[in-house]
C-alpha atoms as a PDB file:
ATOM      1  CA  UNK A   1     -62.171 241.937 120.928  1.00  0.00           C
ATOM      2  CA  UNK A   2     -61.108 245.901 120.522  1.00  0.00           C
ATOM      3  CA  UNK A   3     -62.023 248.278 123.330  1.00  0.00           C
ATOM      4  CA  UNK A   4     -64.137 249.839 120.686  1.00  0.00           C
ATOM      5  CA  UNK A   5     -66.188 246.837 120.085  1.00  0.00           C
ATOM      6  CA  UNK A   6     -66.879 245.990 123.238  1.00  0.00           C
ATOM      7  CA  UNK A   7     -70.865 245.691 124.101  1.00  0.00           C
ATOM      8  CA  UNK A   8     -71.433 249.112 125.837  1.00  0.00           C
ATOM      9  CA  UNK A   9     -68.591 251.047 124.651  1.00  0.00           C
ATOM     10  CA  UNK A  10     -69.489 254.506 123.055  1.00  0.00           C
ATOM     11  CA  UNK A  11     -68.312 255.152 119.162  1.00  0.00           C
ATOM     12  CA  UNK A  12     -65.706 257.096 118.374  1.00  0.00           C
ATOM     13  CA  UNK A  13     -64.925 259.230 115.175  1.00  0.00           C
ATOM     14  CA  UNK A  14     -61.765 257.985 113.913  1.00  0.00           C
ATOM     15  CA  UNK A  15     -59.203 260.918 113.486  1.00  0.00           C
ATOM     16  CA  UNK A  16     -58.003 260.052 110.203  1.00  0.00           C
ATOM     17  CA  UNK A  17     -58.632 258.094 107.347  1.00  0.00           C
ATOM     18  CA  UNK A  18     -59.446 255.013 107.660  1.00  0.00           C
ATOM     19  CA  UNK A  19     -55.884 252.974 107.010  1.00  0.00           C
ATOM     20  CA  UNK A  20     -57.295 249.543 106.372  1.00  0.00           C
ATOM     21  CA  UNK A  21     -58.697 248.241 103.076  1.00  0.00           C
ATOM     22  CA  UNK A  22     -59.861 244.921 101.684  1.00  0.00           C
ATOM     23  CA  UNK A  23     -57.765 243.636  99.491  1.00  0.00           C
ATOM     24  CA  UNK A  24     -59.681 240.160  98.493  1.00  0.00           C
ATOM     25  CA  UNK A  25     -62.629 238.517  99.974  1.00  0.00           C
ATOM     26  CA  UNK A  26     -63.354 234.771  99.321  1.00  0.00           C
ATOM     27  CA  UNK A  27     -65.581 232.238 100.530  1.00  0.00           C
ATOM     28  CA  UNK A  28     -63.213 229.047 100.461  1.00  0.00           C
ATOM     29  CA  UNK A  29     -62.700 226.631 103.583  1.00  0.00           C
ATOM     30  CA  UNK A  30     -59.960 224.635 104.090  1.00  0.00           C
ATOM     31  CA  UNK A  31     -59.820 221.024 103.426  1.00  0.00           C
ATOM     32  CA  UNK A  32     -60.085 219.869 106.364  1.00  0.00           C
ATOM     33  CA  UNK A  33     -63.254 221.187 107.357  1.00  0.00           C
ATOM     34  CA  UNK A  34     -66.022 219.562 108.277  1.00  0.00           C
ATOM     35  CA  UNK A  35     -68.909 221.778 105.417  1.00  0.00           C
ATOM     36  CA  UNK A  36     -71.272 220.041 103.417  1.00  0.00           C
ATOM     37  CA  UNK A  37     -70.592 221.111  99.502  1.00  0.00           C
ATOM     38  CA  UNK A  38     -71.955 219.278  97.138  1.00  0.00           C
ATOM     39  CA  UNK A  39     -71.932 220.382  93.771  1.00  0.00           C
ATOM     40  CA  UNK A  40     -73.618 223.150  92.109  1.00  0.00           C
ATOM     41  CA  UNK A  41     -75.952 222.078  89.558  1.00  0.00           C
ATOM     42  CA  UNK A  42     -75.655 223.850  86.224  1.00  0.00           C
ATOM     43  CA  UNK A  43     -77.851 223.665  83.540  1.00  0.00           C
ATOM     44  CA  UNK A  44     -77.031 222.613  80.137  1.00  0.00           C
ATOM     45  CA  UNK A  45     -78.705 223.246  76.759  1.00  0.00           C
ATOM     46  CA  UNK A  46     -78.555 219.786  75.091  1.00  0.00           C
ATOM     47  CA  UNK A  47     -80.364 221.001  72.181  1.00  0.00           C
ATOM     48  CA  UNK A  48     -81.899 224.254  71.362  1.00  0.00           C
ATOM     49  CA  UNK A  49     -84.818 224.527  69.049  1.00  0.00           C
ATOM     50  CA  UNK A  50     -84.397 227.611  66.640  1.00  0.00           C
ATOM     51  CA  UNK A  51     -88.045 229.242  66.275  1.00  0.00           C
ATOM     52  CA  UNK A  52     -86.828 232.298  63.950  1.00  0.00           C
ATOM     53  CA  UNK A  53     -84.120 233.281  61.493  1.00  0.00           C
ATOM     54  CA  UNK A  54     -83.761 236.480  59.610  1.00  0.00           C
ATOM     55  CA  UNK A  55     -81.279 238.785  58.099  1.00  0.00           C
ATOM     56  CA  UNK A  56     -79.403 241.462  59.849  1.00  0.00           C
ATOM     57  CA  UNK A  57     -81.273 244.684  58.957  1.00  0.00           C
ATOM     58  CA  UNK A  58     -84.750 243.136  57.756  1.00  0.00           C
ATOM     59  CA  UNK A  59     -87.705 244.268  58.934  1.00  0.00           C
ATOM     60  CA  UNK A  60     -88.043 241.283  61.188  1.00  0.00           C
ATOM     61  CA  UNK A  61     -84.762 242.699  62.862  1.00  0.00           C
ATOM     62  CA  UNK A  62     -85.675 243.453  66.603  1.00  0.00           C
ATOM     63  CA  UNK A  63     -85.207 247.208  67.949  1.00  0.00           C
ATOM     64  CA  UNK A  64     -82.424 246.492  70.393  1.00  0.00           C
ATOM     65  CA  UNK A  65     -79.701 245.052  67.604  1.00  0.00           C
ATOM     66  CA  UNK A  66     -81.447 248.313  65.535  1.00  0.00           C
ATOM     67  CA  UNK A  67     -79.600 250.619  67.464  1.00  0.00           C
ATOM     68  CA  UNK A  68     -76.053 248.872  68.387  1.00  0.00           C
ATOM     69  CA  UNK A  69     -73.092 250.278  66.285  1.00  0.00           C
ATOM     70  CA  UNK A  70     -72.077 246.799  65.881  1.00  0.00           C
ATOM     71  CA  UNK A  71     -74.764 245.321  64.572  1.00  0.00           C
ATOM     72  CA  UNK A  72     -75.235 247.587  62.068  1.00  0.00           C
ATOM     73  CA  UNK A  73     -75.605 245.893  58.243  1.00  0.00           C
ATOM     74  CA  UNK A  74     -72.448 245.383  56.259  1.00  0.00           C
ATOM     75  CA  UNK A  75     -73.402 244.402  52.722  1.00  0.00           C
ATOM     76  CA  UNK A  76     -70.514 242.758  52.218  1.00  0.00           C
ATOM     77  CA  UNK A  77     -71.428 240.096  54.823  1.00  0.00           C
ATOM     78  CA  UNK A  78     -74.778 237.827  55.585  1.00  0.00           C
ATOM     79  CA  UNK A  79     -75.442 237.790  58.905  1.00  0.00           C
ATOM     80  CA  UNK A  80     -78.481 235.293  60.274  1.00  0.00           C
ATOM     81  CA  UNK A  81     -80.050 235.913  63.238  1.00  0.00           C
ATOM     82  CA  UNK A  82     -81.355 233.009  65.104  1.00  0.00           C
ATOM     83  CA  UNK A  83     -83.898 232.918  68.025  1.00  0.00           C
ATOM     84  CA  UNK A  84     -83.598 229.640  70.490  1.00  0.00           C
ATOM     85  CA  UNK A  85     -86.685 229.192  72.088  1.00  0.00           C
ATOM     86  CA  UNK A  86     -84.818 227.275  75.460  1.00  0.00           C
ATOM     87  CA  UNK A  87     -83.965 229.774  77.935  1.00  0.00           C
ATOM     88  CA  UNK A  88     -82.833 228.840  81.668  1.00  0.00           C
ATOM     89  CA  UNK A  89     -83.938 232.015  83.564  1.00  0.00           C
ATOM     90  CA  UNK A  90     -81.553 233.675  85.795  1.00  0.00           C
ATOM     91  CA  UNK A  91     -78.534 233.493  83.538  1.00  0.00           C
ATOM     92  CA  UNK A  92     -77.298 235.121  80.908  1.00  0.00           C
ATOM     93  CA  UNK A  93     -76.622 235.339  76.423  1.00  0.00           C
ATOM     94  CA  UNK A  94     -73.644 233.101  77.768  1.00  0.00           C
ATOM     95  CA  UNK A  95     -75.602 230.397  78.353  1.00  0.00           C
ATOM     96  CA  UNK A  96     -76.092 229.542  74.078  1.00  0.00           C
ATOM     97  CA  UNK A  97     -72.406 230.771  74.119  1.00  0.00           C
ATOM     98  CA  UNK A  98     -71.698 227.436  75.700  1.00  0.00           C
ATOM     99  CA  UNK A  99     -73.901 225.368  73.784  1.00  0.00           C
ATOM    100  CA  UNK A 100     -72.529 226.493  70.772  1.00  0.00           C
ATOM    101  CA  UNK A 101     -69.153 226.079  71.607  1.00  0.00           C
ATOM    102  CA  UNK A 102     -70.376 222.349  72.373  1.00  0.00           C
ATOM    103  CA  UNK A 103     -72.520 221.510  69.627  1.00  0.00           C
ATOM    104  CA  UNK A 104     -72.259 220.050  66.036  1.00  0.00           C
ATOM    105  CA  UNK A 105     -71.806 222.858  63.593  1.00  0.00           C
ATOM    106  CA  UNK A 106     -74.614 221.055  61.156  1.00  0.00           C
ATOM    107  CA  UNK A 107     -78.419 222.764  61.857  1.00  0.00           C
ATOM    108  CA  UNK A 108     -81.606 219.999  61.351  1.00  0.00           C
ATOM    109  CA  UNK A 109     -84.036 222.611  59.718  1.00  0.00           C
ATOM    110  CA  UNK A 110     -87.956 220.754  60.266  1.00  0.00           C
ATOM    111  CA  UNK A 111     -91.437 222.584  59.517  1.00  0.00           C
ATOM    112  CA  UNK A 112     -94.449 221.079  59.176  1.00  0.00           C
ATOM    113  CA  UNK A 113     -95.186 220.197  55.403  1.00  0.00           C
ATOM    114  CA  UNK A 114     -91.656 221.368  54.564  1.00  0.00           C
ATOM    115  CA  UNK A 115     -88.686 218.906  53.929  1.00  0.00           C
ATOM    116  CA  UNK A 116     -86.512 218.528  56.538  1.00  0.00           C
ATOM    117  CA  UNK A 117     -82.758 220.721  55.582  1.00  0.00           C
ATOM    118  CA  UNK A 118     -79.925 220.096  57.184  1.00  0.00           C
ATOM    119  CA  UNK A 119     -77.504 222.866  57.441  1.00  0.00           C
ATOM    120  CA  UNK A 120     -73.518 222.768  58.170  1.00  0.00           C
END
């Protein structure tokens, strides 16, 4: 332990800027460490219930999308926005991206009193 870190040592101001800087911090431990390391549970969607669907630019479009330049309606494109009911709290929108990457491209729409429709 250096003299400045010893208990009771008087603190001295550095006369110059600190020449040391942190380049990397890691929480890894060696392969011979005897530290329990259970895998972190990762919740994954196996299905997503679509409760709303609307065209971008329609009156149902949420305000958050209306203010974003990327989401401006383009008459040449048909952008259908869908709302998924399931959501894992504490996670961001990428939870849906992970699901969509693995999911089948076919949707099944079901509603009471309506015919079931399969869309791909």
